[in-house]
Amino acid sequence: MTFRLTDLTHPIIQAPMAGGPSTPALVAAVSRAGGLGSLAAGYRTAADMVDEIAAVRRLTDRPFAMNVFVPEVHPSAPGDLDAYARALRPFAAELGVPAPEVRPAGDDEYGAKLEQLLADPVPVVSFTFGLPTAEHAHALQEAGSAVVLNATTVAEAQAALALDPDALVLQGPLAGGHRAQHDQRAEPSELPLEALLDAVRGLTSVPLIAAGGLATRADVARVLEAGAHAAQAGTAFLLAEEAGTRPLHRQALEAGRSTETVVTRVFSGRPARGLRNAFIERMTRHSVIGYPEVHFLTSPLRAAATDPDGINAWAGTGYAHCRRASAAEILADLAP
């Protein structure tokens, strides 16, 4: 039977967090506790994705989700990328790593990942940074997976709803990490989450998942009362014992070094919200539109950083509520 949000004990979804935080241990712990844990296939090979799915299945028989990045359909400008690579050279020299060079965008093994998910279905497949084709969406549903799509605007929601998804994530502007917007060139929407939820709720009976800045039980209760069928939280789980959050990222969240979050393109070329730091301050005037090439340009610098000022410390506006605890305890904090 295809997964439904009503199958959850608690209407809480742990957001897929690519780059390390969404470990099989975190995903399984959230699902065992009655929420929906989400793996992140982004920046992973198809083989790694298969291994992580197997790891979750060893840890729990509860439903879980796999999130896939849709390849960019709006290419980056080569000249802008070259200029940004040059602007990063002083950082590279300070860290003692080779000067960044632009590499091909690639497609994150998108086709191979879909083939694997069709051959060995998981309960839920979600998509970020765009939409799958109608053929792929329906094939996944036929295979037994619930398909969940993302939107940050009413227009994106309408495009997603045309594919008949099983649920739709509506991401507001307070979300940590990357905005899920379909067009990397667009300015991030500032439409408040509740306004987006209200606008889309009148268009469809498809279950809606509210996301962005939800860090407390009161936040979750508010969006459920506003008509969401479930709430999605990512930042709240960054300090979970089971999360694979990088030590410097944990340090930045716990130390209270920053008093605010900002939306920036400096780390990946796509809009993403994180704790304000020296890298952002220094590189903002050079920032360009250019995902995923900018991500590849800055990856070696972020990996070599020895201080939180040199990393992408993704966080939503509710980051001050993060606490070190088990995933089950964090889920209990959020559950209404």
Protein backbone atom coordinates (compact mmCIF):
# COMPACT_ATOMS: atom_id res chain seq x y z
CA MET A 1 0.00 0.00 0.00
CA THR A 2 1.32 3.46 -0.91
CA PHE A 3 2.45 5.55 2.06
CA ARG A 4 0.12 8.28 3.29
CA LEU A 5 0.83 11.08 5.75
CA THR A 6 -1.99 9.77 7.92
CA ASP A 7 0.15 6.67 8.52
CA LEU A 8 2.46 8.73 10.74
CA THR A 9 2.06 8.72 14.51
CA HIS A 10 3.34 12.30 14.54
CA PRO A 11 2.85 14.63 11.54
CA ILE A 12 6.54 15.52 11.49
CA ILE A 13 8.95 15.00 8.58
CA GLN A 14 12.70 15.28 9.06
CA ALA A 15 13.85 17.31 6.09
CA PRO A 16 16.39 15.72 3.75
CA MET A 17 19.73 17.43 4.40
CA ALA A 18 22.33 16.67 1.75
CA GLY A 19 26.01 16.81 2.47
CA GLY A 20 26.11 14.71 5.61
CA PRO A 21 23.43 15.44 8.24
CA SER A 22 20.81 12.96 6.95
CA THR A 23 22.46 9.71 8.00
CA PRO A 24 20.68 6.35 7.93
CA ALA A 25 20.84 6.40 11.75
CA LEU A 26 19.00 9.75 11.90
CA VAL A 27 16.41 8.73 9.33
CA ALA A 28 15.69 5.42 11.03
CA ALA A 29 15.48 7.04 14.47
CA VAL A 30 12.94 9.62 13.29
CA SER A 31 10.84 6.97 11.56
CA ARG A 32 10.97 4.62 14.56
CA ALA A 33 9.78 7.49 16.76
CA GLY A 34 6.67 7.96 14.61
CA GLY A 35 7.77 10.65 12.15
CA LEU A 36 9.10 10.32 8.62
CA GLY A 37 12.87 10.28 8.23
CA SER A 38 14.34 11.47 4.92
CA LEU A 39 17.57 10.40 3.24
CA ALA A 40 19.28 12.79 0.82
CA ALA A 41 20.65 11.45 -2.46
CA GLY A 42 22.17 14.82 -3.38
CA TYR A 43 25.98 14.73 -3.73
CA ARG A 44 25.86 10.93 -3.38
CA THR A 45 26.47 8.40 -6.13
CA ALA A 46 23.68 6.03 -7.08
CA ALA A 47 25.65 3.22 -5.42
CA ASP A 48 25.96 5.22 -2.21
CA MET A 49 22.22 5.88 -2.30
CA VAL A 50 21.53 2.15 -2.55
CA ASP A 51 23.84 1.48 0.40
CA GLU A 52 22.10 4.09 2.56
CA ILE A 53 18.67 2.69 1.72
CA ALA A 54 19.88 -0.76 2.77
CA ALA A 55 21.28 0.69 6.00
CA VAL A 56 17.93 2.29 6.90
CA ARG A 57 16.11 -0.96 6.18
CA ARG A 58 18.44 -2.78 8.56
CA LEU A 59 17.57 -0.29 11.29
CA THR A 60 13.80 -0.02 10.88
CA ASP A 61 10.80 -1.37 9.02
CA ARG A 62 9.02 1.97 9.28
CA PRO A 63 8.41 4.15 6.18
CA PHE A 64 11.11 6.61 5.13
CA ALA A 65 11.78 8.96 2.22
CA MET A 66 14.54 9.40 -0.34
CA ASN A 67 15.10 12.87 -1.75
CA VAL A 68 16.58 13.40 -5.23
CA PHE A 69 17.98 16.59 -6.75
CA VAL A 70 16.52 17.41 -10.17
CA PRO A 71 19.31 18.50 -12.57
CA GLU A 72 19.44 22.19 -13.43
CA VAL A 73 17.56 23.12 -16.59
CA HIS A 74 18.87 26.69 -16.57
CA PRO A 75 22.65 26.51 -17.17
CA SER A 76 25.17 28.74 -15.43
CA ALA A 77 27.07 31.44 -17.33
CA PRO A 78 30.68 30.31 -17.99
CA GLY A 79 32.06 33.82 -17.69
CA ASP A 80 30.46 34.32 -14.28
CA LEU A 81 31.86 31.01 -13.07
CA ASP A 82 35.37 31.87 -14.22
CA ALA A 83 35.19 35.21 -12.44
CA TYR A 84 34.02 33.56 -9.22
CA ALA A 85 36.81 30.98 -9.42
CA ARG A 86 39.33 33.83 -9.62
CA ALA A 87 37.72 35.58 -6.64
CA LEU A 88 38.15 32.40 -4.57
CA ARG A 89 41.90 32.13 -5.19
CA PRO A 90 42.95 34.18 -2.13
CA PHE A 91 40.86 31.88 0.10
CA ALA A 92 42.47 28.83 -1.46
CA ALA A 93 45.95 30.25 -0.93
CA GLU A 94 45.22 30.99 2.71
CA LEU A 95 44.01 27.41 3.24
CA GLY A 96 46.85 25.85 1.29
CA VAL A 97 44.65 24.13 -1.27
CA PRO A 98 44.86 24.29 -5.09
CA ALA A 99 43.16 27.20 -6.82
CA PRO A 100 39.56 26.26 -7.68
CA GLU A 101 38.81 25.35 -11.28
CA VAL A 102 35.39 25.20 -12.92
CA ARG A 103 34.26 21.64 -13.58
CA PRO A 104 31.29 20.36 -15.61
CA ALA A 105 27.94 20.52 -13.87
CA GLY A 106 26.93 16.90 -14.38
CA ASP A 107 23.50 15.62 -13.38
CA ASP A 108 24.23 14.06 -9.95
CA GLU A 109 23.60 10.61 -11.51
CA TYR A 110 19.92 11.51 -11.70
CA GLY A 111 19.00 8.86 -14.26
CA ALA A 112 20.85 6.09 -12.44
CA LYS A 113 19.19 7.02 -9.16
CA LEU A 114 15.72 6.92 -10.70
CA GLU A 115 16.49 3.53 -12.24
CA GLN A 116 17.46 2.19 -8.82
CA LEU A 117 14.37 3.64 -7.16
CA LEU A 118 12.14 2.09 -9.80
CA ALA A 119 13.88 -1.29 -9.51
CA ASP A 120 13.77 -1.31 -5.70
CA PRO A 121 11.05 1.12 -4.55
CA VAL A 122 11.17 2.99 -1.25
CA PRO A 123 8.03 4.25 0.53
CA VAL A 124 8.48 7.90 -0.46
CA VAL A 125 10.49 9.67 -3.18
CA SER A 126 10.73 13.46 -3.07
CA PHE A 127 12.30 15.90 -5.53
CA THR A 128 14.10 19.21 -4.97
CA PHE A 129 15.28 22.00 -7.35
CA GLY A 130 12.65 21.22 -9.93
CA LEU A 131 10.14 18.62 -11.06
CA PRO A 132 10.49 15.15 -12.52
CA THR A 133 8.83 14.37 -15.82
CA ALA A 134 5.25 13.17 -15.64
CA GLU A 135 6.49 9.82 -16.92
CA HIS A 136 8.99 9.42 -14.09
CA ALA A 137 6.54 10.59 -11.42
CA HIS A 138 3.85 8.17 -12.54
CA ALA A 139 6.32 5.30 -12.93
CA LEU A 140 7.46 5.74 -9.32
CA GLN A 141 3.84 5.77 -8.17
CA GLU A 142 3.11 2.63 -10.19
CA ALA A 143 6.12 1.00 -8.51
CA GLY A 144 4.55 1.73 -5.11
CA SER A 145 6.33 4.91 -4.01
CA ALA A 146 4.50 8.02 -2.88
CA VAL A 147 5.82 11.00 -4.84
CA VAL A 148 6.34 14.27 -2.97
CA LEU A 149 7.19 17.49 -4.83
CA ASN A 150 8.49 20.85 -3.58
CA ALA A 151 7.36 24.41 -4.24
CA THR A 152 8.28 27.87 -2.94
CA THR A 153 5.67 29.89 -4.86
CA VAL A 154 2.08 29.51 -5.99
CA ALA A 155 3.23 29.15 -9.63
CA GLU A 156 5.65 26.36 -8.67
CA ALA A 157 2.89 24.66 -6.69
CA GLN A 158 0.57 24.77 -9.70
CA ALA A 159 3.25 23.21 -11.91
CA ALA A 160 3.86 20.50 -9.32
CA LEU A 161 0.17 19.76 -8.84
CA ALA A 162 -0.17 19.14 -12.57
CA LEU A 163 1.89 15.98 -12.03
CA ASP A 164 -0.62 14.54 -9.53
CA PRO A 165 1.79 14.11 -6.60
CA ASP A 166 0.84 12.29 -3.42
CA ALA A 167 1.86 15.32 -1.34
CA LEU A 168 3.38 18.76 -1.83
CA VAL A 169 5.99 20.47 0.35
CA LEU A 170 5.48 24.23 0.57
CA GLN A 171 8.75 25.83 1.65
CA GLY A 172 8.65 29.29 3.16
CA PRO A 173 11.45 31.89 3.17
CA LEU A 174 12.68 31.14 6.72
CA ALA A 175 13.96 27.67 5.79
CA GLY A 176 17.58 26.72 6.40
CA GLY A 177 19.78 25.38 3.63
CA HIS A 178 18.86 25.61 -0.03
CA ARG A 179 15.64 27.09 -1.25
CA ALA A 180 13.79 24.45 -3.23
CA GLN A 181 12.91 26.92 -5.99
CA HIS A 182 12.67 25.41 -9.47
CA ASP A 183 14.63 28.14 -11.31
CA GLN A 184 18.06 28.89 -9.89
CA ARG A 185 17.99 32.31 -11.59
CA ALA A 186 14.92 33.54 -9.71
CA GLU A 187 15.08 35.80 -6.70
CA PRO A 188 13.96 33.78 -3.66
CA SER A 189 10.31 34.32 -2.80
CA GLU A 190 9.58 36.29 0.37
CA LEU A 191 5.95 35.14 0.56
CA PRO A 192 5.40 34.03 4.18
CA LEU A 193 4.80 30.33 4.68
CA GLU A 194 1.28 30.79 6.04
CA ALA A 195 0.32 32.96 3.05
CA LEU A 196 1.72 30.37 0.63
CA LEU A 197 -0.13 27.62 2.47
CA ASP A 198 -3.38 29.57 2.39
CA ALA A 199 -3.06 30.30 -1.34
CA VAL A 200 -2.28 26.73 -2.36
CA ARG A 201 -4.78 25.12 0.00
CA GLY A 202 -7.58 26.62 -2.09
CA LEU A 203 -6.22 25.00 -5.26
CA THR A 204 -6.05 21.34 -4.29
CA SER A 205 -7.00 18.49 -2.00
CA VAL A 206 -3.47 17.06 -2.22
CA PRO A 207 -1.93 16.86 1.28
CA LEU A 208 0.31 19.84 2.01
CA ILE A 209 3.52 19.75 4.04
CA ALA A 210 4.64 23.06 5.54
CA ALA A 211 8.38 23.76 5.78
CA GLY A 212 10.67 26.62 6.72
CA GLY A 213 11.54 28.06 10.13
CA LEU A 214 9.59 25.44 12.09
CA ALA A 215 11.70 24.90 15.21
CA THR A 216 9.24 24.53 18.09
CA ARG A 217 6.02 22.72 18.98
CA ALA A 218 4.19 26.03 18.69
CA ASP A 219 5.54 26.51 15.15
CA VAL A 220 4.29 23.08 14.15
CA ALA A 221 0.90 23.59 15.77
CA ARG A 222 0.52 26.92 13.95
CA VAL A 223 0.96 25.48 10.46
CA LEU A 224 -1.23 22.48 11.23
CA GLU A 225 -3.97 24.82 12.36
CA ALA A 226 -3.45 26.78 9.14
CA GLY A 227 -4.27 23.70 7.07
CA ALA A 228 -1.01 21.81 6.63
CA HIS A 229 -1.25 18.03 6.92
CA ALA A 230 2.30 17.75 8.26
CA ALA A 231 5.30 19.89 9.16
CA GLN A 232 8.83 19.43 7.87
CA ALA A 233 11.84 20.40 10.00
CA GLY A 234 15.53 20.22 9.20
CA THR A 235 17.49 22.66 11.34
CA ALA A 236 15.91 21.25 14.50
CA PHE A 237 17.64 17.91 13.82
CA LEU A 238 21.13 19.25 13.06
CA LEU A 239 22.34 18.67 16.62
CA ALA A 240 20.70 15.25 16.92
CA GLU A 241 23.05 12.57 18.22
CA GLU A 242 22.39 10.51 15.10
CA ALA A 243 22.93 13.34 12.61
CA GLY A 244 26.07 13.50 10.48
CA THR A 245 26.40 17.25 10.95
CA ARG A 246 30.02 18.35 10.62
CA PRO A 247 31.72 19.25 13.94
CA LEU A 248 32.40 22.84 12.79
CA HIS A 249 28.72 23.18 11.87
CA ARG A 250 27.70 21.90 15.30
CA GLN A 251 30.16 24.31 16.88
CA ALA A 252 28.68 27.25 15.00
CA LEU A 253 25.15 26.33 16.08
CA GLU A 254 26.06 25.77 19.72
CA ALA A 255 28.49 28.64 20.24
CA GLY A 256 26.05 31.41 19.42
CA ARG A 257 28.71 33.04 17.25
CA SER A 258 26.12 34.49 14.92
CA THR A 259 23.06 36.51 15.76
CA GLU A 260 21.37 36.04 12.42
CA THR A 261 20.97 33.92 9.32
CA VAL A 262 21.21 35.20 5.76
CA VAL A 263 20.26 33.92 2.33
CA THR A 264 23.34 33.67 0.13
CA ARG A 265 24.62 32.19 -3.12
CA VAL A 266 28.32 32.29 -2.16
CA PHE A 267 28.68 28.61 -1.32
CA SER A 268 26.73 26.91 -4.12
CA GLY A 269 25.41 29.45 -6.61
CA ARG A 270 21.85 28.78 -5.46
CA PRO A 271 20.05 30.72 -2.72
CA ALA A 272 20.52 29.06 0.68
CA ARG A 273 20.11 30.24 4.26
CA GLY A 274 22.90 29.85 6.78
CA LEU A 275 24.59 31.51 9.74
CA ARG A 276 26.30 34.75 8.74
CA ASN A 277 30.08 34.33 8.80
CA ALA A 278 33.33 35.70 7.39
CA PHE A 279 33.12 33.71 4.13
CA ILE A 280 29.71 35.18 3.38
CA GLU A 281 30.85 38.69 4.28
CA ARG A 282 33.94 38.42 2.11
CA MET A 283 32.41 36.76 -0.95
CA THR A 284 28.94 38.30 -1.23
CA ARG A 285 30.07 41.05 -3.62
CA HIS A 286 31.49 38.36 -5.93
CA SER A 287 28.51 35.96 -5.76
CA VAL A 288 27.05 34.57 -8.97
CA ILE A 289 24.19 32.36 -10.09
CA GLY A 290 25.79 29.03 -10.82
CA TYR A 291 24.61 25.76 -9.28
CA PRO A 292 26.13 23.19 -9.03
CA GLU A 293 29.42 24.55 -10.38
CA VAL A 294 29.88 27.02 -7.52
CA HIS A 295 29.25 24.17 -5.08
CA PHE A 296 32.15 22.28 -6.65
CA LEU A 297 34.35 25.38 -6.63
CA THR A 298 33.90 25.99 -2.90
CA SER A 299 33.80 22.35 -1.73
CA PRO A 300 37.61 22.00 -1.30
CA LEU A 301 37.76 25.29 0.61
CA ARG A 302 34.95 24.28 2.94
CA ALA A 303 36.52 20.87 3.49
CA ALA A 304 39.85 22.48 4.41
CA ALA A 305 38.34 25.06 6.77
CA THR A 306 39.33 24.79 10.42
CA ASP A 307 36.92 27.42 11.72
CA PRO A 308 33.14 27.92 11.39
CA ASP A 309 33.84 31.17 9.53
CA GLY A 310 34.91 29.13 6.50
CA ILE A 311 31.98 26.74 6.11
CA ASN A 312 28.38 26.75 4.98
CA ALA A 313 26.65 26.51 8.36
CA TRP A 314 23.16 26.03 6.97
CA ALA A 315 20.43 26.98 9.42
CA GLY A 316 16.89 28.24 9.43
CA THR A 317 15.76 31.27 11.39
CA GLY A 318 14.80 29.09 14.38
CA TYR A 319 18.34 27.76 14.87
CA ALA A 320 18.54 29.11 18.43
CA HIS A 321 16.11 26.37 19.46
CA CYS A 322 18.49 23.60 18.35
CA ARG A 323 19.63 21.34 21.15
CA ARG A 324 21.88 18.34 21.49
CA ALA A 325 19.58 15.35 22.04
CA SER A 326 18.45 12.13 20.43
CA ALA A 327 16.32 12.32 17.31
CA ALA A 328 13.41 10.81 19.22
CA GLU A 329 13.65 13.50 21.89
CA ILE A 330 13.78 16.26 19.26
CA LEU A 331 10.76 14.78 17.50
CA ALA A 332 8.88 14.70 20.82
CA ASP A 333 9.74 18.39 21.32
CA LEU A 334 8.17 19.24 17.97
CA ALA A 335 5.10 16.97 18.04
CA PRO A 336 1.88 18.83 18.88
